[in-house]
Amino acid sequence: MRKPDAAISQDLRSATAALVHELGERLAEATYLVGASGQAADAVALTHELVEALTATGNYLAAAARILKVESRPSGDTLGDVLKKSLTQFARAVEAVRRLRGVILSISPSRE
């Protein structure tokens, strides 16, 4: 049985919240290891950027779901535009994760 749109939206919010929580824990650990360095500040900024991009992605996907639900024959331009915006924000999130990973690896103690 298909989940209602509200349940899908709630699942997306829950998954985003869990990811943000985990990133916050990792950031706190990294900050503890190096103190309040410039790298930790970079990590905080990247985490904020990641949350923004994931939230925007979720919002665009929810809009696409509403379009599909409301319109029997949605305009390809309208739906395509919303999905393209979603993909742009998702790419932004992926790039933030890559950059955040680089920052965290640079401040984590070396493993020998």
N, C-alpha and C. Protein backbone atom coordinates (compact mmCIF):
# COMPACT_ATOMS: atom_id res chain seq x y z
N MET A 1 0.84 -1.19 0.00
CA MET A 1 0.00 0.00 0.00
C MET A 1 0.88 1.25 0.00
N ARG A 2 0.54 2.20 -0.84
CA ARG A 2 1.31 3.43 -0.99
C ARG A 2 1.09 4.35 0.21
N LYS A 3 2.19 4.95 0.68
CA LYS A 3 2.09 5.90 1.78
C LYS A 3 1.47 7.20 1.30
N PRO A 4 0.69 7.86 2.15
CA PRO A 4 0.17 9.18 1.78
C PRO A 4 1.32 10.19 1.67
N ASP A 5 1.11 11.24 0.89
CA ASP A 5 2.15 12.25 0.69
C ASP A 5 2.64 12.83 2.01
N ALA A 6 1.75 13.04 2.96
CA ALA A 6 2.15 13.60 4.26
C ALA A 6 3.11 12.66 4.97
N ALA A 7 2.88 11.36 4.87
CA ALA A 7 3.77 10.39 5.51
C ALA A 7 5.13 10.39 4.83
N ILE A 8 5.15 10.49 3.51
CA ILE A 8 6.42 10.55 2.78
C ILE A 8 7.19 11.81 3.17
N SER A 9 6.48 12.92 3.25
CA SER A 9 7.10 14.18 3.64
C SER A 9 7.66 14.08 5.06
N GLN A 10 6.91 13.45 5.95
CA GLN A 10 7.38 13.28 7.34
C GLN A 10 8.60 12.37 7.38
N ASP A 11 8.60 11.31 6.57
CA ASP A 11 9.77 10.41 6.50
C ASP A 11 11.00 11.18 6.04
N LEU A 12 10.83 12.05 5.04
CA LEU A 12 11.93 12.84 4.53
C LEU A 12 12.45 13.79 5.61
N ARG A 13 11.54 14.42 6.32
CA ARG A 13 11.96 15.32 7.41
C ARG A 13 12.69 14.55 8.50
N SER A 14 12.20 13.36 8.85
CA SER A 14 12.85 12.55 9.87
C SER A 14 14.24 12.12 9.45
N ALA A 15 14.37 11.70 8.19
CA ALA A 15 15.68 11.29 7.69
C ALA A 15 16.65 12.46 7.67
N THR A 16 16.16 13.64 7.27
CA THR A 16 17.01 14.83 7.27
C THR A 16 17.43 15.19 8.68
N ALA A 17 16.49 15.12 9.62
CA ALA A 17 16.81 15.44 11.02
C ALA A 17 17.85 14.46 11.57
N ALA A 18 17.73 13.18 11.24
CA ALA A 18 18.69 12.19 11.71
C ALA A 18 20.08 12.47 11.14
N LEU A 19 20.13 12.83 9.86
CA LEU A 19 21.40 13.15 9.24
C LEU A 19 22.03 14.38 9.88
N VAL A 20 21.23 15.40 10.10
CA VAL A 20 21.73 16.62 10.73
C VAL A 20 22.24 16.32 12.13
N HIS A 21 21.53 15.48 12.87
CA HIS A 21 21.95 15.11 14.22
C HIS A 21 23.31 14.40 14.18
N GLU A 22 23.45 13.45 13.26
CA GLU A 22 24.71 12.71 13.15
C GLU A 22 25.86 13.64 12.75
N LEU A 23 25.60 14.53 11.80
CA LEU A 23 26.62 15.49 11.41
C LEU A 23 27.01 16.40 12.58
N GLY A 24 26.03 16.79 13.36
CA GLY A 24 26.31 17.62 14.54
C GLY A 24 27.19 16.90 15.54
N GLU A 25 26.93 15.61 15.76
CA GLU A 25 27.76 14.82 16.68
C GLU A 25 29.19 14.71 16.16
N ARG A 26 29.32 14.44 14.87
CA ARG A 26 30.67 14.33 14.28
C ARG A 26 31.41 15.67 14.36
N LEU A 27 30.67 16.74 14.12
CA LEU A 27 31.27 18.06 14.19
C LEU A 27 31.70 18.39 15.62
N ALA A 28 30.87 18.04 16.58
CA ALA A 28 31.23 18.28 17.98
C ALA A 28 32.50 17.51 18.34
N GLU A 29 32.58 16.28 17.88
CA GLU A 29 33.78 15.46 18.14
C GLU A 29 35.01 16.09 17.50
N ALA A 30 34.88 16.53 16.27
CA ALA A 30 36.02 17.14 15.58
C ALA A 30 36.41 18.45 16.25
N THR A 31 35.43 19.23 16.66
CA THR A 31 35.70 20.50 17.33
C THR A 31 36.43 20.25 18.65
N TYR A 32 36.02 19.23 19.37
CA TYR A 32 36.68 18.87 20.62
C TYR A 32 38.14 18.51 20.38
N LEU A 33 38.40 17.81 19.29
CA LEU A 33 39.76 17.37 18.99
C LEU A 33 40.70 18.52 18.65
N VAL A 34 40.18 19.53 17.99
CA VAL A 34 41.06 20.61 17.54
C VAL A 34 40.78 21.95 18.20
N GLY A 35 39.80 22.03 19.04
CA GLY A 35 39.43 23.30 19.62
C GLY A 35 38.64 24.13 18.62
N ALA A 36 38.42 25.37 18.94
CA ALA A 36 37.62 26.25 18.08
C ALA A 36 38.51 26.82 16.98
N SER A 37 38.93 25.98 16.07
CA SER A 37 39.81 26.40 14.99
C SER A 37 39.02 26.93 13.80
N GLY A 38 39.75 27.47 12.86
CA GLY A 38 39.12 27.91 11.62
C GLY A 38 38.51 26.75 10.87
N GLN A 39 39.13 25.58 10.98
CA GLN A 39 38.59 24.40 10.31
C GLN A 39 37.25 24.00 10.91
N ALA A 40 37.12 24.11 12.22
CA ALA A 40 35.84 23.80 12.85
C ALA A 40 34.77 24.79 12.39
N ALA A 41 35.14 26.04 12.25
CA ALA A 41 34.20 27.05 11.76
C ALA A 41 33.78 26.73 10.33
N ASP A 42 34.73 26.26 9.52
CA ASP A 42 34.41 25.84 8.15
C ASP A 42 33.41 24.69 8.18
N ALA A 43 33.63 23.74 9.09
CA ALA A 43 32.74 22.59 9.19
C ALA A 43 31.33 23.03 9.59
N VAL A 44 31.23 23.99 10.49
CA VAL A 44 29.92 24.49 10.90
C VAL A 44 29.21 25.14 9.70
N ALA A 45 29.94 25.94 8.95
CA ALA A 45 29.35 26.62 7.78
C ALA A 45 28.90 25.60 6.74
N LEU A 46 29.70 24.57 6.52
CA LEU A 46 29.34 23.54 5.54
C LEU A 46 28.14 22.73 6.01
N THR A 47 28.07 22.47 7.31
CA THR A 47 26.91 21.75 7.84
C THR A 47 25.64 22.55 7.62
N HIS A 48 25.72 23.85 7.85
CA HIS A 48 24.57 24.73 7.61
C HIS A 48 24.17 24.70 6.13
N GLU A 49 25.16 24.77 5.25
CA GLU A 49 24.88 24.72 3.82
C GLU A 49 24.23 23.40 3.43
N LEU A 50 24.71 22.31 4.02
CA LEU A 50 24.14 20.99 3.75
C LEU A 50 22.68 20.93 4.17
N VAL A 51 22.39 21.40 5.37
CA VAL A 51 21.01 21.38 5.86
C VAL A 51 20.10 22.20 4.95
N GLU A 52 20.57 23.38 4.54
CA GLU A 52 19.77 24.21 3.63
C GLU A 52 19.48 23.48 2.32
N ALA A 53 20.51 22.86 1.75
CA ALA A 53 20.34 22.18 0.47
C ALA A 53 19.40 20.98 0.59
N LEU A 54 19.52 20.22 1.68
CA LEU A 54 18.64 19.06 1.87
C LEU A 54 17.20 19.50 2.12
N THR A 55 17.03 20.57 2.86
CA THR A 55 15.69 21.09 3.11
C THR A 55 15.05 21.56 1.80
N ALA A 56 15.81 22.28 1.00
CA ALA A 56 15.29 22.75 -0.29
C ALA A 56 14.95 21.56 -1.20
N THR A 57 15.81 20.55 -1.21
CA THR A 57 15.54 19.35 -2.01
C THR A 57 14.22 18.72 -1.59
N GLY A 58 14.02 18.56 -0.30
CA GLY A 58 12.77 17.99 0.21
C GLY A 58 11.56 18.82 -0.17
N ASN A 59 11.71 20.14 -0.09
CA ASN A 59 10.60 21.02 -0.44
C ASN A 59 10.24 20.92 -1.92
N TYR A 60 11.25 20.88 -2.78
CA TYR A 60 10.99 20.74 -4.21
C TYR A 60 10.36 19.39 -4.54
N LEU A 61 10.83 18.33 -3.90
CA LEU A 61 10.24 17.01 -4.16
C LEU A 61 8.80 16.95 -3.65
N ALA A 62 8.53 17.58 -2.52
CA ALA A 62 7.15 17.63 -2.02
C ALA A 62 6.26 18.42 -2.99
N ALA A 63 6.81 19.50 -3.56
CA ALA A 63 6.05 20.27 -4.56
C ALA A 63 5.77 19.42 -5.79
N ALA A 64 6.75 18.65 -6.23
CA ALA A 64 6.54 17.77 -7.38
C ALA A 64 5.46 16.74 -7.08
N ALA A 65 5.47 16.19 -5.87
CA ALA A 65 4.45 15.21 -5.49
C ALA A 65 3.06 15.85 -5.49
N ARG A 66 2.97 17.11 -5.01
CA ARG A 66 1.68 17.81 -5.02
C ARG A 66 1.20 18.06 -6.43
N ILE A 67 2.13 18.45 -7.30
CA ILE A 67 1.76 18.68 -8.71
C ILE A 67 1.20 17.41 -9.31
N LEU A 68 1.86 16.29 -9.08
CA LEU A 68 1.40 15.01 -9.63
C LEU A 68 0.05 14.60 -9.05
N LYS A 69 -0.17 14.94 -7.80
CA LYS A 69 -1.43 14.56 -7.15
C LYS A 69 -2.59 15.42 -7.63
N VAL A 70 -2.36 16.71 -7.81
CA VAL A 70 -3.42 17.65 -8.14
C VAL A 70 -3.74 17.67 -9.64
N GLU A 71 -2.73 17.59 -10.46
CA GLU A 71 -2.93 17.72 -11.91
C GLU A 71 -2.96 16.34 -12.56
N SER A 72 -4.03 16.07 -13.28
CA SER A 72 -4.13 14.77 -13.96
C SER A 72 -3.10 14.66 -15.08
N ARG A 73 -2.83 15.77 -15.74
CA ARG A 73 -1.81 15.79 -16.80
C ARG A 73 -0.92 17.01 -16.57
N PRO A 74 0.05 16.88 -15.65
CA PRO A 74 0.88 18.05 -15.33
C PRO A 74 1.73 18.48 -16.52
N SER A 75 1.96 19.75 -16.58
CA SER A 75 2.82 20.31 -17.62
C SER A 75 4.23 19.79 -17.41
N GLY A 76 4.81 19.29 -18.48
CA GLY A 76 6.19 18.81 -18.40
C GLY A 76 7.15 19.92 -18.02
N ASP A 77 6.85 21.13 -18.46
CA ASP A 77 7.71 22.26 -18.12
C ASP A 77 7.66 22.55 -16.63
N THR A 78 6.46 22.57 -16.06
CA THR A 78 6.30 22.87 -14.64
C THR A 78 6.96 21.79 -13.79
N LEU A 79 6.60 20.56 -14.04
CA LEU A 79 7.16 19.45 -13.27
C LEU A 79 8.66 19.33 -13.51
N GLY A 80 9.07 19.49 -14.74
CA GLY A 80 10.50 19.42 -15.06
C GLY A 80 11.29 20.50 -14.35
N ASP A 81 10.73 21.71 -14.27
CA ASP A 81 11.40 22.82 -13.59
C ASP A 81 11.57 22.51 -12.10
N VAL A 82 10.52 22.00 -11.49
CA VAL A 82 10.59 21.68 -10.06
C VAL A 82 11.61 20.56 -9.81
N LEU A 83 11.59 19.54 -10.65
CA LEU A 83 12.55 18.44 -10.48
C LEU A 83 13.98 18.89 -10.76
N LYS A 84 14.15 19.78 -11.74
CA LYS A 84 15.49 20.31 -12.02
C LYS A 84 16.02 21.09 -10.82
N LYS A 85 15.16 21.89 -10.20
CA LYS A 85 15.56 22.64 -9.00
C LYS A 85 15.93 21.69 -7.87
N SER A 86 15.17 20.61 -7.74
CA SER A 86 15.47 19.60 -6.73
C SER A 86 16.85 18.98 -6.96
N LEU A 87 17.13 18.63 -8.21
CA LEU A 87 18.43 18.04 -8.54
C LEU A 87 19.58 19.03 -8.29
N THR A 88 19.34 20.29 -8.57
CA THR A 88 20.37 21.31 -8.32
C THR A 88 20.69 21.38 -6.84
N GLN A 89 19.65 21.37 -6.00
CA GLN A 89 19.87 21.43 -4.56
C GLN A 89 20.52 20.14 -4.04
N PHE A 90 20.15 19.01 -4.63
CA PHE A 90 20.76 17.75 -4.23
C PHE A 90 22.25 17.77 -4.56
N ALA A 91 22.60 18.27 -5.74
CA ALA A 91 24.01 18.39 -6.13
C ALA A 91 24.75 19.32 -5.17
N ARG A 92 24.09 20.37 -4.75
CA ARG A 92 24.67 21.29 -3.76
C ARG A 92 24.94 20.56 -2.44
N ALA A 93 24.02 19.71 -2.03
CA ALA A 93 24.19 18.93 -0.79
C ALA A 93 25.35 17.96 -0.93
N VAL A 94 25.44 17.28 -2.07
CA VAL A 94 26.54 16.34 -2.30
C VAL A 94 27.88 17.06 -2.23
N GLU A 95 27.97 18.22 -2.84
CA GLU A 95 29.22 18.98 -2.80
C GLU A 95 29.55 19.42 -1.37
N ALA A 96 28.54 19.82 -0.61
CA ALA A 96 28.78 20.21 0.79
C ALA A 96 29.29 19.02 1.60
N VAL A 97 28.75 17.84 1.35
CA VAL A 97 29.22 16.64 2.05
C VAL A 97 30.68 16.37 1.70
N ARG A 98 31.02 16.47 0.42
CA ARG A 98 32.41 16.25 0.00
C ARG A 98 33.35 17.23 0.70
N ARG A 99 32.96 18.49 0.70
CA ARG A 99 33.81 19.51 1.34
C ARG A 99 33.87 19.31 2.84
N LEU A 100 32.75 18.96 3.46
CA LEU A 100 32.72 18.71 4.90
C LEU A 100 33.60 17.53 5.26
N ARG A 101 33.53 16.49 4.46
CA ARG A 101 34.37 15.32 4.68
C ARG A 101 35.85 15.71 4.64
N GLY A 102 36.21 16.53 3.67
CA GLY A 102 37.59 16.99 3.56
C GLY A 102 38.03 17.77 4.78
N VAL A 103 37.16 18.63 5.28
CA VAL A 103 37.48 19.41 6.48
C VAL A 103 37.65 18.49 7.68
N ILE A 104 36.72 17.57 7.85
CA ILE A 104 36.78 16.66 9.01
C ILE A 104 38.02 15.79 8.93
N LEU A 105 38.34 15.28 7.76
CA LEU A 105 39.54 14.45 7.64
C LEU A 105 40.79 15.25 7.92
N SER A 106 40.80 16.52 7.59
CA SER A 106 41.98 17.34 7.82
C SER A 106 42.17 17.68 9.29
N ILE A 107 41.10 17.61 10.09
CA ILE A 107 41.24 17.94 11.51
C ILE A 107 41.19 16.72 12.42
N SER A 108 40.89 15.56 11.85
CA SER A 108 40.88 14.34 12.65
C SER A 108 42.31 13.89 12.90
N PRO A 109 42.55 13.26 14.05
CA PRO A 109 43.91 12.78 14.30
C PRO A 109 44.28 11.73 13.26
N SER A 110 45.55 11.74 12.86
CA SER A 110 45.97 10.77 11.84
C SER A 110 45.96 9.38 12.42
N ARG A 111 45.59 8.46 11.57
CA ARG A 111 45.54 7.06 11.98
C ARG A 111 46.78 6.36 11.46
N GLU A 112 47.62 5.98 12.36
CA GLU A 112 48.86 5.34 11.93
C GLU A 112 48.86 3.89 12.26
